[in-house]
Amino acid sequence: MRMQEPEQGQQSGQDWQAGQEYSEYRAGYEGEYETEQKIYPRDERRMQGRTLGILVIILAAIGFFPAVAGIVGSALVLEYGQGPAEVLAGGVIGLVSSIIVMLVFVALFVIAVIALARPYLIRGRGTAPGRSSSRGTSSEGE
């Protein structure tokens, strides 16, 4: 199927021949399309990474409090447990598992915060976006 002459061909300087297939004509523009396709996926990946990092921070913060509650509950069972050995064993298992879960949540939280802050620390040399990079040399108040 042959297409009519596209208007973009005249603007960029490449002439479309009457006997030329559109796919052949379009092949001359592959370099332009490739650069556009390389730019947009990078931005999309950044946005997905930021969203994932924020989600991990929120979920880790929410999960931290039940882990602390599990530690407190297990400590109460071990402190005031005057029952059979199974109750004390359950308290020990609950205490150990709550400590492990709390450490996992803290580790996820720290890793997500570092991953989100890393690009700003590398590019801005430790300054937040919008702040000047000169430290200690303030012209304000002079």
C-alpha atoms as a PDB file:
ATOM      1  CA  MET A   1       0.000   0.000   0.000  1.00  0.00           C
ATOM      2  CA  ARG A   2       1.429   3.351  -0.980  1.00  0.00           C
ATOM      3  CA  MET A   3       0.953   6.443   1.139  1.00  0.00           C
ATOM      4  CA  GLN A   4       0.732  10.054   0.093  1.00  0.00           C
ATOM      5  CA  GLU A   5       3.585  12.401   0.748  1.00  0.00           C
ATOM      6  CA  PRO A   6       3.749  13.235   4.483  1.00  0.00           C
ATOM      7  CA  GLU A   7       4.253  16.857   5.423  1.00  0.00           C
ATOM      8  CA  GLN A   8       7.122  16.039   7.814  1.00  0.00           C
ATOM      9  CA  GLY A   9       9.322  14.902   4.943  1.00  0.00           C
ATOM     10  CA  GLN A  10       9.414  18.339   3.407  1.00  0.00           C
ATOM     11  CA  GLN A  11      10.083  20.069   6.711  1.00  0.00           C
ATOM     12  CA  SER A  12      13.128  18.019   7.620  1.00  0.00           C
ATOM     13  CA  GLY A  13      14.648  18.077   4.137  1.00  0.00           C
ATOM     14  CA  GLN A  14      14.119  14.447   3.183  1.00  0.00           C
ATOM     15  CA  ASP A  15      12.065  14.099   0.011  1.00  0.00           C
ATOM     16  CA  TRP A  16       9.605  11.285  -0.378  1.00  0.00           C
ATOM     17  CA  GLN A  17       9.692   9.609  -3.771  1.00  0.00           C
ATOM     18  CA  ALA A  18       6.456   8.606  -5.499  1.00  0.00           C
ATOM     19  CA  GLY A  19       7.550   4.983  -5.877  1.00  0.00           C
ATOM     20  CA  GLN A  20       8.914   4.690  -2.366  1.00  0.00           C
ATOM     21  CA  GLU A  21       7.150   2.683   0.323  1.00  0.00           C
ATOM     22  CA  TYR A  22       6.237   4.496   3.491  1.00  0.00           C
ATOM     23  CA  SER A  23       8.263   2.031   5.569  1.00  0.00           C
ATOM     24  CA  GLU A  24      11.367   2.840   3.501  1.00  0.00           C
ATOM     25  CA  TYR A  25      10.695   6.547   3.881  1.00  0.00           C
ATOM     26  CA  ARG A  26      10.189   6.174   7.612  1.00  0.00           C
ATOM     27  CA  ALA A  27      13.437   4.221   7.964  1.00  0.00           C
ATOM     28  CA  GLY A  28      15.289   7.499   7.439  1.00  0.00           C
ATOM     29  CA  TYR A  29      13.808   8.815  10.670  1.00  0.00           C
ATOM     30  CA  GLU A  30      14.741   5.879  12.894  1.00  0.00           C
ATOM     31  CA  GLY A  31      17.515   7.858  14.580  1.00  0.00           C
ATOM     32  CA  GLU A  32      15.077  10.529  15.725  1.00  0.00           C
ATOM     33  CA  TYR A  33      12.590   7.989  17.056  1.00  0.00           C
ATOM     34  CA  GLU A  34      15.279   6.066  18.910  1.00  0.00           C
ATOM     35  CA  THR A  35      16.424   9.093  20.881  1.00  0.00           C
ATOM     36  CA  GLU A  36      12.858   9.869  21.907  1.00  0.00           C
ATOM     37  CA  GLN A  37      12.320   6.269  22.992  1.00  0.00           C
ATOM     38  CA  LYS A  38      15.491   6.349  25.065  1.00  0.00           C
ATOM     39  CA  ILE A  39      14.474   9.467  26.972  1.00  0.00           C
ATOM     40  CA  TYR A  40      10.936   8.615  28.022  1.00  0.00           C
ATOM     41  CA  PRO A  41      11.479   5.115  29.500  1.00  0.00           C
ATOM     42  CA  ARG A  42      14.179   6.521  31.790  1.00  0.00           C
ATOM     43  CA  ASP A  43      11.740   9.087  33.203  1.00  0.00           C
ATOM     44  CA  GLU A  44       9.085   6.416  33.571  1.00  0.00           C
ATOM     45  CA  ARG A  45      11.486   4.117  35.443  1.00  0.00           C
ATOM     46  CA  ARG A  46      12.451   6.969  37.768  1.00  0.00           C
ATOM     47  CA  MET A  47       8.818   7.651  38.567  1.00  0.00           C
ATOM     48  CA  GLN A  48       8.147   3.966  39.202  1.00  0.00           C
ATOM     49  CA  GLY A  49      11.213   3.748  41.435  1.00  0.00           C
ATOM     50  CA  ARG A  50      10.153   6.776  43.442  1.00  0.00           C
ATOM     51  CA  THR A  51       6.635   5.430  43.812  1.00  0.00           C
ATOM     52  CA  LEU A  52       7.956   2.062  44.942  1.00  0.00           C
ATOM     53  CA  GLY A  53      10.326   3.707  47.424  1.00  0.00           C
ATOM     54  CA  ILE A  54       7.575   5.831  48.923  1.00  0.00           C
ATOM     55  CA  LEU A  55       5.291   2.796  49.150  1.00  0.00           C
ATOM     56  CA  VAL A  56       8.012   0.784  50.923  1.00  0.00           C
ATOM     57  CA  ILE A  57       8.577   3.623  53.412  1.00  0.00           C
ATOM     58  CA  ILE A  58       4.865   3.854  54.210  1.00  0.00           C
ATOM     59  CA  LEU A  59       4.382   0.096  54.576  1.00  0.00           C
ATOM     60  CA  ALA A  60       7.528  -0.295  56.674  1.00  0.00           C
ATOM     61  CA  ALA A  61       6.403   2.487  58.994  1.00  0.00           C
ATOM     62  CA  ILE A  62       2.967   0.883  59.346  1.00  0.00           C
ATOM     63  CA  GLY A  63       4.437  -2.590  59.937  1.00  0.00           C
ATOM     64  CA  PHE A  64       6.881  -1.324  62.556  1.00  0.00           C
ATOM     65  CA  PHE A  65       4.154  -0.658  65.126  1.00  0.00           C
ATOM     66  CA  PRO A  66       2.585  -4.167  65.127  1.00  0.00           C
ATOM     67  CA  ALA A  67       6.095  -5.575  65.503  1.00  0.00           C
ATOM     68  CA  VAL A  68       6.650  -3.408  68.584  1.00  0.00           C
ATOM     69  CA  ALA A  69       3.223  -4.467  69.894  1.00  0.00           C
ATOM     70  CA  GLY A  70       4.244  -8.108  69.377  1.00  0.00           C
ATOM     71  CA  ILE A  71       7.422  -7.554  71.373  1.00  0.00           C
ATOM     72  CA  VAL A  72       5.496  -5.923  74.213  1.00  0.00           C
ATOM     73  CA  GLY A  73       2.848  -8.668  74.191  1.00  0.00           C
ATOM     74  CA  SER A  74       5.438 -11.424  74.213  1.00  0.00           C
ATOM     75  CA  ALA A  75       7.322  -9.715  77.031  1.00  0.00           C
ATOM     76  CA  LEU A  76       4.113  -9.545  79.070  1.00  0.00           C
ATOM     77  CA  VAL A  77       3.437 -13.252  78.455  1.00  0.00           C
ATOM     78  CA  LEU A  78       6.958 -14.129  79.567  1.00  0.00           C
ATOM     79  CA  GLU A  79       6.819 -11.830  82.607  1.00  0.00           C
ATOM     80  CA  TYR A  80       3.434 -12.812  83.980  1.00  0.00           C
ATOM     81  CA  GLY A  81       3.032 -16.258  82.429  1.00  0.00           C
ATOM     82  CA  GLN A  82       2.420 -18.707  85.290  1.00  0.00           C
ATOM     83  CA  GLY A  83       0.958 -21.365  83.014  1.00  0.00           C
ATOM     84  CA  PRO A  84       2.281 -24.418  81.262  1.00  0.00           C
ATOM     85  CA  ALA A  85       5.554 -24.536  79.365  1.00  0.00           C
ATOM     86  CA  GLU A  86       3.729 -24.203  76.038  1.00  0.00           C
ATOM     87  CA  VAL A  87       2.632 -20.685  76.951  1.00  0.00           C
ATOM     88  CA  LEU A  88       6.195 -19.698  77.786  1.00  0.00           C
ATOM     89  CA  ALA A  89       7.483 -21.299  74.573  1.00  0.00           C
ATOM     90  CA  GLY A  90       4.881 -19.325  72.610  1.00  0.00           C
ATOM     91  CA  GLY A  91       6.033 -16.147  74.326  1.00  0.00           C
ATOM     92  CA  VAL A  92       9.653 -16.814  73.375  1.00  0.00           C
ATOM     93  CA  ILE A  93       8.727 -17.634  69.771  1.00  0.00           C
ATOM     94  CA  GLY A  94       6.568 -14.500  69.575  1.00  0.00           C
ATOM     95  CA  LEU A  95       9.330 -12.344  71.036  1.00  0.00           C
ATOM     96  CA  VAL A  96      12.004 -13.638  68.656  1.00  0.00           C
ATOM     97  CA  SER A  97       9.784 -13.418  65.572  1.00  0.00           C
ATOM     98  CA  SER A  98       8.632  -9.884  66.471  1.00  0.00           C
ATOM     99  CA  ILE A  99      12.238  -8.745  66.890  1.00  0.00           C
ATOM    100  CA  ILE A 100      13.198 -10.239  63.518  1.00  0.00           C
ATOM    101  CA  VAL A 101      10.193  -8.667  61.766  1.00  0.00           C
ATOM    102  CA  MET A 102      10.952  -5.296  63.360  1.00  0.00           C
ATOM    103  CA  LEU A 103      14.553  -5.449  62.160  1.00  0.00           C
ATOM    104  CA  VAL A 104      13.373  -6.293  58.624  1.00  0.00           C
ATOM    105  CA  PHE A 105      11.006  -3.309  58.617  1.00  0.00           C
ATOM    106  CA  VAL A 106      13.723  -0.987  59.886  1.00  0.00           C
ATOM    107  CA  ALA A 107      16.145  -2.273  57.228  1.00  0.00           C
ATOM    108  CA  LEU A 108      13.564  -1.787  54.447  1.00  0.00           C
ATOM    109  CA  PHE A 109      12.825   1.715  55.693  1.00  0.00           C
ATOM    110  CA  VAL A 110      16.501   2.710  55.779  1.00  0.00           C
ATOM    111  CA  ILE A 111      17.240   1.205  52.358  1.00  0.00           C
ATOM    112  CA  ALA A 112      14.245   2.971  50.779  1.00  0.00           C
ATOM    113  CA  VAL A 113      15.184   6.336  52.298  1.00  0.00           C
ATOM    114  CA  ILE A 114      18.785   6.005  51.102  1.00  0.00           C
ATOM    115  CA  ALA A 115      17.643   4.927  47.627  1.00  0.00           C
ATOM    116  CA  LEU A 116      15.343   7.935  47.330  1.00  0.00           C
ATOM    117  CA  ALA A 117      17.901  10.412  48.682  1.00  0.00           C
ATOM    118  CA  ARG A 118      20.916   9.087  46.765  1.00  0.00           C
ATOM    119  CA  PRO A 119      20.379  10.950  43.455  1.00  0.00           C
ATOM    120  CA  TYR A 120      20.051  14.259  45.295  1.00  0.00           C
ATOM    121  CA  LEU A 121      23.137  13.598  47.382  1.00  0.00           C
ATOM    122  CA  ILE A 122      25.262  12.630  44.380  1.00  0.00           C
ATOM    123  CA  ARG A 123      24.144  15.430  42.039  1.00  0.00           C
ATOM    124  CA  GLY A 124      23.766  18.185  44.593  1.00  0.00           C
ATOM    125  CA  ARG A 125      26.744  17.222  46.775  1.00  0.00           C
ATOM    126  CA  GLY A 126      24.579  16.995  49.851  1.00  0.00           C
ATOM    127  CA  THR A 127      22.277  19.923  49.224  1.00  0.00           C
ATOM    128  CA  ALA A 128      18.556  19.710  48.852  1.00  0.00           C
ATOM    129  CA  PRO A 129      17.047  20.814  45.543  1.00  0.00           C
ATOM    130  CA  GLY A 130      16.663  24.581  45.442  1.00  0.00           C
ATOM    131  CA  ARG A 131      19.375  25.340  47.956  1.00  0.00           C
ATOM    132  CA  SER A 132      22.753  26.793  47.158  1.00  0.00           C
ATOM    133  CA  SER A 133      25.773  24.535  47.235  1.00  0.00           C
ATOM    134  CA  SER A 134      27.994  27.076  49.012  1.00  0.00           C
ATOM    135  CA  ARG A 135      28.347  26.172  52.668  1.00  0.00           C
ATOM    136  CA  GLY A 136      29.481  28.618  55.252  1.00  0.00           C
ATOM    137  CA  THR A 137      29.784  31.463  52.758  1.00  0.00           C
ATOM    138  CA  SER A 138      26.538  33.241  53.253  1.00  0.00           C
ATOM    139  CA  SER A 139      26.115  36.688  51.746  1.00  0.00           C
ATOM    140  CA  GLU A 140      22.937  37.205  53.747  1.00  0.00           C
ATOM    141  CA  GLY A 141      23.293  39.350  56.830  1.00  0.00           C
ATOM    142  CA  GLU A 142      26.494  41.087  55.720  1.00  0.00           C
END
